[in-house]
Amino acid sequence: MEQKNKIIIFSNIKGGVGKTTLCSLFATYLAENGMPVAVLDADLQQSLYRHRVREEKADPEQKMPWQVTPLDTSDIKKVNKVMKELKKVPGNVLIDCPGNLNDKSLAAVYAAADVAVIPMSFDPDTVDATGIFLKALKSISNCSMVFVPNRINDHEGKAEERKQRAQTVNILELVGTVVPRIKQGVAIKRYSTIYSLESKQKKIVATTFDAIMKAIM
């Protein structure tokens, strides 16, 4: 049975929240669960695509679990055309987006999205930036939103900080789904675009990624 098309963007205007890493790990997780997946790298730095090129060059015999294609957002007409074509692709199309709202071509990407996966942390700067991003996204897209608390240590912070964290989650739940946190760990930073998830990585992301999968179905 052919799977329904889903365009899933990984985005937030705050840098350093783990968009690229989570996009890659989630793509592999989907593939390992037998779900069709393809990835586009729309980030200006194209870190994900360059990561794949390096790994493929180092191990050319390794079978690629999913395809990754760079998306040049400098040509608005081309971006619009690509997004229309992506709507016809069976399965999950993940798009790693840049951490800014200055690229006008991104409006076509946001408008075509079915789901926005939004990695974040709970420090004031990231919470504020996430709020700005949500307003911009909602003005363009009707996509559902999935918030991923990333690189979180629940045991850190004072009582007041934990209270503010809980309040932030309550507010986010009014506009989307907040999935279980992904805790801090070296294993997550050490991601690969061509190899299977390590056992430690699976243990860390499984609960979160299962919740994302449930939310996007």
Protein backbone atom coordinates (compact mmCIF):
# COMPACT_ATOMS: atom_id res chain seq x y z
CA MET A 1 0.00 0.00 0.00
CA GLU A 2 1.36 3.41 -1.04
CA GLN A 3 1.95 5.70 1.91
CA LYS A 4 0.32 9.12 2.00
CA ASN A 5 2.60 12.08 1.32
CA LYS A 6 3.78 14.08 4.35
CA ILE A 7 6.04 17.11 4.17
CA ILE A 8 7.73 17.60 7.52
CA ILE A 9 9.92 20.61 8.17
CA PHE A 10 12.50 20.86 10.94
CA SER A 11 12.65 24.52 11.78
CA ASN A 12 13.09 27.27 14.36
CA ILE A 13 14.72 30.68 13.99
CA LYS A 14 16.94 30.02 17.03
CA GLY A 15 20.21 28.43 16.04
CA GLY A 16 21.85 25.65 18.00
CA VAL A 17 18.65 23.82 18.97
CA GLY A 18 19.57 20.69 17.00
CA LYS A 19 17.42 20.93 13.85
CA THR A 20 19.92 19.24 11.54
CA THR A 21 20.89 16.51 13.98
CA LEU A 22 17.28 15.61 14.79
CA CYS A 23 16.28 15.70 11.13
CA SER A 24 19.00 13.19 10.27
CA LEU A 25 18.33 10.93 13.25
CA PHE A 26 14.58 10.97 12.58
CA ALA A 27 15.10 10.13 8.91
CA THR A 28 17.13 7.08 9.90
CA TYR A 29 14.57 6.13 12.54
CA LEU A 30 11.76 6.24 9.97
CA ALA A 31 13.79 4.19 7.49
CA GLU A 32 14.62 1.59 10.14
CA ASN A 33 10.89 1.31 10.88
CA GLY A 34 10.18 0.53 7.23
CA MET A 35 8.76 3.95 6.36
CA PRO A 36 9.69 5.65 3.06
CA VAL A 37 11.65 8.84 3.66
CA ALA A 38 13.60 11.42 1.67
CA VAL A 39 15.40 14.52 2.94
CA LEU A 40 15.96 17.99 1.52
CA ASP A 41 18.58 20.33 2.96
CA ALA A 42 17.28 23.89 2.65
CA ASP A 43 19.78 25.35 5.11
CA LEU A 44 22.13 27.92 3.61
CA GLN A 45 25.09 26.11 5.17
CA GLN A 46 23.80 22.74 3.86
CA SER A 47 25.44 20.99 6.81
CA LEU A 48 23.34 17.85 6.42
CA TYR A 49 24.08 17.45 2.72
CA ARG A 50 27.80 18.09 3.22
CA HIS A 51 27.80 15.56 6.08
CA ARG A 52 26.35 12.96 3.70
CA VAL A 53 28.92 13.76 0.99
CA ARG A 54 31.79 13.28 3.45
CA GLU A 55 30.40 10.01 4.77
CA GLU A 56 29.65 8.64 1.32
CA LYS A 57 33.16 9.50 0.17
CA ALA A 58 34.67 7.76 3.21
CA ASP A 59 32.52 4.62 2.74
CA PRO A 60 31.25 4.46 -0.87
CA GLU A 61 30.15 0.81 -0.52
CA GLN A 62 27.69 1.58 2.28
CA LYS A 63 24.03 1.46 1.24
CA MET A 64 22.32 4.79 1.80
CA PRO A 65 19.27 4.47 4.12
CA TRP A 66 17.66 7.56 2.61
CA GLN A 67 18.40 10.17 -0.03
CA VAL A 68 19.31 13.77 0.77
CA THR A 69 19.12 16.56 -1.80
CA PRO A 70 20.24 20.19 -1.43
CA LEU A 71 17.51 22.78 -2.02
CA ASP A 72 18.70 26.13 -3.36
CA THR A 73 16.28 28.72 -1.97
CA SER A 74 17.74 31.62 -3.96
CA ASP A 75 15.31 31.00 -6.85
CA ILE A 76 11.71 31.50 -5.69
CA LYS A 77 10.17 30.06 -8.86
CA LYS A 78 12.30 26.95 -8.57
CA VAL A 79 11.40 26.49 -4.91
CA ASN A 80 7.69 26.75 -5.72
CA LYS A 81 8.08 24.15 -8.46
CA VAL A 82 10.03 21.78 -6.20
CA MET A 83 7.45 22.02 -3.43
CA LYS A 84 4.63 21.19 -5.85
CA GLU A 85 6.57 18.14 -7.04
CA LEU A 86 7.28 17.06 -3.47
CA LYS A 87 3.54 16.94 -2.77
CA LYS A 88 3.36 14.02 -5.20
CA VAL A 89 6.09 11.97 -3.50
CA PRO A 90 4.73 8.98 -1.57
CA GLY A 91 6.00 8.81 1.97
CA ASN A 92 7.71 11.28 4.29
CA VAL A 93 9.69 14.22 2.97
CA LEU A 94 11.82 15.86 5.67
CA ILE A 95 13.19 19.36 5.10
CA ASP A 96 15.98 20.81 7.22
CA CYS A 97 15.27 24.56 7.24
CA PRO A 98 17.64 27.44 8.06
CA GLY A 99 17.45 29.25 11.36
CA ASN A 100 16.12 32.54 10.02
CA LEU A 101 13.05 34.19 8.49
CA ASN A 102 14.90 36.42 6.02
CA ASP A 103 14.72 34.06 3.03
CA LYS A 104 11.49 34.89 1.19
CA SER A 105 11.59 31.55 -0.64
CA LEU A 106 11.03 29.78 2.66
CA ALA A 107 7.41 30.95 2.59
CA ALA A 108 6.76 28.35 -0.13
CA VAL A 109 8.38 25.66 2.02
CA TYR A 110 6.38 26.63 5.11
CA ALA A 111 3.12 26.85 3.15
CA ALA A 112 3.59 23.35 1.73
CA ALA A 113 4.43 21.77 5.10
CA ASP A 114 2.01 19.35 6.72
CA VAL A 115 3.98 19.22 9.98
CA ALA A 116 6.57 21.48 11.60
CA VAL A 117 8.92 19.73 14.00
CA ILE A 118 10.29 22.51 16.20
CA PRO A 119 13.32 21.65 18.37
CA MET A 120 13.85 23.98 21.30
CA SER A 121 15.25 24.45 24.77
CA PHE A 122 13.75 26.35 27.68
CA ASP A 123 16.19 29.21 28.15
CA PRO A 124 14.54 32.65 27.79
CA ASP A 125 16.22 33.51 24.47
CA THR A 126 15.10 30.28 22.81
CA VAL A 127 11.57 30.52 24.21
CA ASP A 128 11.26 34.09 22.92
CA ALA A 129 12.68 33.18 19.52
CA THR A 130 10.35 30.20 19.27
CA GLY A 131 7.40 32.47 19.96
CA ILE A 132 8.47 34.82 17.15
CA PHE A 133 8.87 31.85 14.82
CA LEU A 134 5.41 30.51 15.67
CA LYS A 135 3.76 33.83 14.80
CA ALA A 136 5.55 33.94 11.46
CA LEU A 137 4.81 30.30 10.68
CA LYS A 138 1.12 30.56 11.54
CA SER A 139 0.76 33.56 9.22
CA ILE A 140 1.93 31.41 6.30
CA SER A 141 1.05 27.80 7.05
CA ASN A 142 -1.75 25.68 8.48
CA CYS A 143 0.65 22.88 9.36
CA SER A 144 0.42 21.05 12.67
CA MET A 145 3.25 21.73 15.12
CA VAL A 146 5.32 19.30 17.14
CA PHE A 147 7.65 20.76 19.77
CA VAL A 148 10.74 18.77 20.71
CA PRO A 149 12.49 19.79 23.94
CA ASN A 150 16.05 18.94 22.96
CA ARG A 151 19.28 18.56 24.91
CA ILE A 152 17.36 18.84 28.16
CA ASN A 153 18.46 17.81 31.63
CA ASP A 154 15.40 17.73 33.89
CA HIS A 155 17.55 17.73 37.00
CA GLU A 156 19.12 21.10 36.19
CA GLY A 157 17.70 24.45 37.19
CA LYS A 158 16.14 25.97 40.25
CA ALA A 159 12.55 25.39 41.31
CA GLU A 160 11.45 28.65 39.67
CA GLU A 161 13.11 27.64 36.39
CA ARG A 162 11.37 24.26 36.45
CA LYS A 163 8.07 26.03 37.11
CA GLN A 164 8.63 28.34 34.12
CA ARG A 165 9.51 25.30 32.00
CA ALA A 166 6.21 23.65 32.91
CA GLN A 167 4.33 26.86 32.12
CA THR A 168 6.02 27.04 28.71
CA VAL A 169 4.98 23.47 27.95
CA ASN A 170 1.38 24.28 28.92
CA ILE A 171 1.35 27.24 26.53
CA LEU A 172 2.87 25.26 23.67
CA GLU A 173 0.29 22.52 24.13
CA LEU A 174 -2.37 25.08 23.22
CA VAL A 175 -0.98 25.33 19.68
CA GLY A 176 0.60 21.95 19.09
CA THR A 177 1.98 18.72 20.50
CA VAL A 178 4.86 18.68 22.97
CA VAL A 179 6.68 15.35 22.84
CA PRO A 180 8.92 13.89 25.55
CA ARG A 181 12.32 15.52 25.87
CA ILE A 182 15.56 14.34 24.34
CA LYS A 183 18.18 14.47 27.04
CA GLN A 184 21.67 15.82 26.65
CA GLY A 185 24.24 13.32 25.48
CA VAL A 186 27.33 12.86 23.32
CA ALA A 187 25.64 9.98 21.50
CA ILE A 188 23.08 12.33 19.94
CA LYS A 189 25.65 14.82 18.70
CA ARG A 190 27.51 11.96 17.00
CA TYR A 191 24.97 11.42 14.22
CA SER A 192 25.46 9.66 10.90
CA THR A 193 23.52 9.94 7.65
CA ILE A 194 24.51 6.50 6.34
CA TYR A 195 24.77 4.10 9.30
CA SER A 196 22.10 2.61 11.55
CA LEU A 197 21.32 4.27 14.86
CA GLU A 198 23.58 3.18 17.68
CA SER A 199 21.93 1.38 20.59
CA LYS A 200 22.54 4.39 22.88
CA GLN A 201 21.00 6.71 20.32
CA LYS A 202 17.91 4.52 19.97
CA LYS A 203 17.48 4.43 23.73
CA ILE A 204 17.62 8.22 23.91
CA VAL A 205 15.35 9.06 20.96
CA ALA A 206 12.88 6.16 20.79
CA THR A 207 10.20 7.57 23.11
CA THR A 208 10.42 11.03 21.52
CA PHE A 209 10.48 9.80 17.93
CA ASP A 210 7.60 7.38 18.53
CA ALA A 211 5.59 10.32 19.84
CA ILE A 212 6.48 12.37 16.74
CA MET A 213 5.46 9.49 14.48
CA LYS A 214 2.13 9.24 16.29
CA ALA A 215 1.61 12.98 15.97
CA ILE A 216 2.28 13.10 12.22
CA MET A 217 0.16 10.10 11.25
